[in-house]
C-alpha cells in the first residue's frame, strides 16, 4: 500500500501563483500546506476540517 499523499488545490485557485493552500485527505486526517512552501504541514481531524470549511462557506455568503 502506498503512503504517498495526493495533494490538491481548490478549483477556485488559479495557476498564476498567489496565496493558495493544498489539501490531502485520509480517513483519519486532513493535511494542509502552503502551495508555495510545501515543507510545513498542518494535520487536523476530518471533523475539525469540516467545521472550518463550513464556517468559511457561511462567512463567504455574508
Foldseek 3Di string as FASTA:
>chain_A
DDPDFDWDWDPPDDPPDDWTKIWTDDQFWIWIDTPVDRPDIDIDGPVVVVVVVVVVVVVVVD
